[in-house]
N, C-alpha and C. Protein backbone atom coordinates (compact mmCIF):
# COMPACT_ATOMS: atom_id res chain seq x y z
N UNK A 1 64.05 86.80 -55.13
CA UNK A 1 63.81 86.35 -53.77
C UNK A 1 65.16 86.13 -53.08
N UNK A 2 65.28 86.56 -51.86
CA UNK A 2 66.51 86.37 -51.11
C UNK A 2 66.55 84.97 -50.50
N UNK A 3 67.76 84.54 -50.16
CA UNK A 3 67.95 83.24 -49.52
C UNK A 3 68.27 83.47 -48.04
N UNK A 4 67.51 82.83 -47.17
CA UNK A 4 67.75 82.95 -45.73
C UNK A 4 68.68 81.83 -45.29
N UNK A 5 69.74 82.20 -44.58
CA UNK A 5 70.66 81.22 -44.02
C UNK A 5 70.89 81.54 -42.54
N UNK A 6 71.17 80.51 -41.79
CA UNK A 6 71.57 80.66 -40.39
C UNK A 6 73.03 80.25 -40.31
N UNK A 7 73.84 81.07 -39.65
CA UNK A 7 75.26 80.79 -39.56
C UNK A 7 75.66 80.77 -38.09
N UNK A 8 76.22 79.64 -37.67
CA UNK A 8 76.78 79.54 -36.33
C UNK A 8 78.27 79.89 -36.44
N UNK A 9 78.75 80.68 -35.51
CA UNK A 9 80.12 81.19 -35.58
C UNK A 9 80.86 80.85 -34.30
N UNK A 10 82.04 80.25 -34.46
CA UNK A 10 82.93 80.01 -33.32
C UNK A 10 84.04 81.06 -33.39
N UNK A 11 84.26 81.74 -32.28
CA UNK A 11 85.27 82.79 -32.21
C UNK A 11 86.48 82.31 -31.42
N UNK A 12 87.62 82.93 -31.66
CA UNK A 12 88.78 82.65 -30.82
C UNK A 12 88.43 83.07 -29.39
N UNK A 13 88.94 82.35 -28.39
CA UNK A 13 88.60 82.66 -27.00
C UNK A 13 88.81 84.15 -26.67
N UNK A 14 87.81 84.72 -26.01
CA UNK A 14 87.90 86.10 -25.56
C UNK A 14 87.57 87.15 -26.61
N UNK A 15 87.12 86.74 -27.79
CA UNK A 15 86.89 87.72 -28.87
C UNK A 15 85.44 87.78 -29.33
N UNK A 16 84.54 87.09 -28.65
CA UNK A 16 83.15 87.03 -29.13
C UNK A 16 82.52 88.41 -29.24
N UNK A 17 82.70 89.25 -28.25
CA UNK A 17 82.09 90.58 -28.30
C UNK A 17 82.67 91.43 -29.42
N UNK A 18 83.95 91.30 -29.65
CA UNK A 18 84.60 92.04 -30.74
C UNK A 18 84.07 91.58 -32.10
N UNK A 19 83.95 90.27 -32.27
CA UNK A 19 83.42 89.73 -33.53
C UNK A 19 81.97 90.18 -33.72
N UNK A 20 81.16 90.09 -32.68
CA UNK A 20 79.76 90.50 -32.77
C UNK A 20 79.64 91.98 -33.12
N UNK A 21 80.49 92.81 -32.54
CA UNK A 21 80.47 94.24 -32.84
C UNK A 21 80.85 94.49 -34.30
N UNK A 22 81.84 93.78 -34.79
CA UNK A 22 82.25 93.93 -36.18
C UNK A 22 81.13 93.51 -37.14
N UNK A 23 80.43 92.43 -36.81
CA UNK A 23 79.30 92.00 -37.63
C UNK A 23 78.21 93.07 -37.63
N UNK A 24 77.91 93.60 -36.44
CA UNK A 24 76.87 94.62 -36.33
C UNK A 24 77.21 95.87 -37.14
N UNK A 25 78.47 96.27 -37.12
CA UNK A 25 78.89 97.46 -37.86
C UNK A 25 78.79 97.27 -39.37
N UNK A 26 78.91 96.03 -39.84
CA UNK A 26 78.81 95.75 -41.28
C UNK A 26 77.36 95.73 -41.76
N UNK A 27 76.41 95.63 -40.83
CA UNK A 27 74.98 95.65 -41.14
C UNK A 27 74.60 94.63 -42.22
N UNK A 28 75.13 93.41 -42.09
CA UNK A 28 74.81 92.36 -43.06
C UNK A 28 73.82 91.35 -42.49
N UNK A 29 73.55 91.41 -41.21
CA UNK A 29 72.71 90.40 -40.55
C UNK A 29 71.28 90.90 -40.38
N UNK A 30 70.39 89.93 -40.24
CA UNK A 30 69.01 90.24 -39.88
C UNK A 30 68.85 90.14 -38.36
N UNK A 31 69.45 89.07 -37.79
CA UNK A 31 69.43 88.86 -36.34
C UNK A 31 70.76 88.27 -35.93
N UNK A 32 71.20 88.59 -34.71
CA UNK A 32 72.47 88.09 -34.20
C UNK A 32 72.31 87.79 -32.72
N UNK A 33 72.67 86.57 -32.33
CA UNK A 33 72.50 86.12 -30.95
C UNK A 33 73.80 85.55 -30.40
N UNK A 34 74.02 85.72 -29.12
CA UNK A 34 75.08 85.03 -28.41
C UNK A 34 74.51 83.69 -27.98
N UNK A 35 75.30 82.62 -28.12
CA UNK A 35 74.81 81.28 -27.78
C UNK A 35 75.82 80.57 -26.88
N UNK A 36 75.38 79.51 -26.26
CA UNK A 36 76.28 78.66 -25.48
C UNK A 36 76.47 77.37 -26.23
N UNK A 37 77.54 76.68 -25.93
CA UNK A 37 77.79 75.40 -26.58
C UNK A 37 78.99 75.47 -27.50
N UNK A 38 78.93 74.70 -28.57
CA UNK A 38 80.07 74.56 -29.48
C UNK A 38 80.36 75.86 -30.25
N UNK A 39 79.33 76.66 -30.49
CA UNK A 39 79.49 77.92 -31.22
C UNK A 39 79.13 79.08 -30.31
N UNK A 40 79.66 80.27 -30.63
CA UNK A 40 79.49 81.44 -29.77
C UNK A 40 78.39 82.38 -30.24
N UNK A 41 78.16 82.44 -31.54
CA UNK A 41 77.18 83.36 -32.11
C UNK A 41 76.28 82.61 -33.09
N UNK A 42 75.05 83.07 -33.21
CA UNK A 42 74.12 82.57 -34.20
C UNK A 42 73.58 83.77 -34.97
N UNK A 43 73.74 83.72 -36.28
CA UNK A 43 73.35 84.85 -37.11
C UNK A 43 72.34 84.41 -38.16
N UNK A 44 71.31 85.20 -38.33
CA UNK A 44 70.35 85.00 -39.42
C UNK A 44 70.71 86.03 -40.48
N UNK A 45 70.85 85.55 -41.70
CA UNK A 45 71.34 86.41 -42.78
C UNK A 45 70.53 86.14 -44.03
N UNK A 46 70.16 87.19 -44.73
CA UNK A 46 69.49 87.06 -46.02
C UNK A 46 70.51 87.38 -47.12
N UNK A 47 70.74 86.41 -47.98
CA UNK A 47 71.66 86.59 -49.10
C UNK A 47 70.90 87.29 -50.21
N UNK A 48 71.42 88.40 -50.73
CA UNK A 48 70.72 89.13 -51.79
C UNK A 48 70.49 88.25 -53.04
N UNK A 49 69.41 88.54 -53.72
CA UNK A 49 69.07 87.80 -54.93
C UNK A 49 70.20 87.89 -55.95
N UNK A 50 70.52 86.77 -56.55
CA UNK A 50 71.56 86.73 -57.57
C UNK A 50 72.97 86.54 -57.03
N UNK A 51 73.14 86.59 -55.72
CA UNK A 51 74.47 86.40 -55.11
C UNK A 51 74.72 84.92 -54.84
N UNK A 52 75.95 84.49 -54.99
CA UNK A 52 76.35 83.15 -54.62
C UNK A 52 76.48 83.10 -53.10
N UNK A 53 75.83 82.14 -52.47
CA UNK A 53 75.79 82.06 -51.01
C UNK A 53 77.19 81.95 -50.41
N UNK A 54 77.96 80.99 -50.89
CA UNK A 54 79.30 80.78 -50.35
C UNK A 54 80.21 81.98 -50.53
N UNK A 55 80.17 82.58 -51.70
CA UNK A 55 81.03 83.75 -51.97
C UNK A 55 80.61 84.93 -51.10
N UNK A 56 79.30 85.12 -50.95
CA UNK A 56 78.81 86.23 -50.13
C UNK A 56 79.28 86.08 -48.68
N UNK A 57 79.15 84.87 -48.14
CA UNK A 57 79.58 84.62 -46.77
C UNK A 57 81.09 84.80 -46.64
N UNK A 58 81.84 84.27 -47.58
CA UNK A 58 83.31 84.42 -47.55
C UNK A 58 83.73 85.88 -47.65
N UNK A 59 83.10 86.63 -48.53
CA UNK A 59 83.50 88.01 -48.77
C UNK A 59 83.04 89.00 -47.71
N UNK A 60 81.91 88.71 -47.04
CA UNK A 60 81.34 89.68 -46.11
C UNK A 60 81.42 89.28 -44.64
N UNK A 61 81.54 88.00 -44.36
CA UNK A 61 81.56 87.56 -42.96
C UNK A 61 82.90 86.95 -42.55
N UNK A 62 83.37 86.02 -43.32
CA UNK A 62 84.55 85.26 -42.89
C UNK A 62 85.86 86.03 -43.01
N UNK A 63 85.80 87.26 -43.49
CA UNK A 63 86.99 88.13 -43.49
C UNK A 63 87.16 88.83 -42.14
N UNK A 64 86.19 88.68 -41.26
CA UNK A 64 86.26 89.31 -39.94
C UNK A 64 87.30 88.57 -39.10
N UNK A 65 88.23 89.30 -38.51
CA UNK A 65 89.26 88.66 -37.68
C UNK A 65 88.65 87.92 -36.48
N UNK A 66 89.32 86.87 -36.08
CA UNK A 66 89.00 86.08 -34.88
C UNK A 66 87.84 85.11 -35.03
N UNK A 67 87.35 84.90 -36.25
CA UNK A 67 86.39 83.83 -36.49
C UNK A 67 87.19 82.57 -36.76
N UNK A 68 86.99 81.56 -35.92
CA UNK A 68 87.72 80.29 -36.08
C UNK A 68 87.02 79.34 -37.03
N UNK A 69 85.69 79.30 -36.96
CA UNK A 69 84.93 78.31 -37.73
C UNK A 69 83.49 78.79 -37.85
N UNK A 70 82.84 78.34 -38.90
CA UNK A 70 81.42 78.64 -39.05
C UNK A 70 80.68 77.42 -39.59
N UNK A 71 79.39 77.40 -39.35
CA UNK A 71 78.53 76.34 -39.85
C UNK A 71 77.28 77.01 -40.42
N UNK A 72 77.06 76.84 -41.71
CA UNK A 72 75.94 77.48 -42.39
C UNK A 72 74.82 76.48 -42.62
N UNK A 73 73.61 76.88 -42.27
CA UNK A 73 72.42 76.07 -42.51
C UNK A 73 71.55 76.82 -43.51
N UNK A 74 71.34 76.20 -44.66
CA UNK A 74 70.50 76.78 -45.71
C UNK A 74 69.02 76.53 -45.36
N UNK A 75 68.16 77.44 -45.77
CA UNK A 75 66.73 77.25 -45.60
C UNK A 75 66.06 77.23 -46.97
N UNK A 76 64.91 76.57 -47.02
CA UNK A 76 64.17 76.44 -48.27
C UNK A 76 62.70 76.68 -47.99
N UNK A 77 62.05 77.39 -48.87
CA UNK A 77 60.62 77.65 -48.70
C UNK A 77 59.85 76.42 -49.16
N UNK A 78 59.13 75.80 -48.24
CA UNK A 78 58.38 74.60 -48.57
C UNK A 78 56.88 74.77 -48.34
N UNK A 79 56.47 75.84 -47.70
CA UNK A 79 55.04 76.05 -47.42
C UNK A 79 54.56 77.33 -48.05
């Protein structure tokens, strides 16, 4: 079973579209939205079964240039 996480991403000023394009080209996301407020992007991501969540995010997302900060929200199946 995959793990669903939501990741809020803050980009360096003026780079949101570039970061979003780089994410889209990597095809690692399920959904990607532009947001207002403290963070610039909201991404829904499914971590493959057997992968470490933190390592997967570090290796596949946080290597993208111009990402200043991220906030990951884990989800759990309860119903």
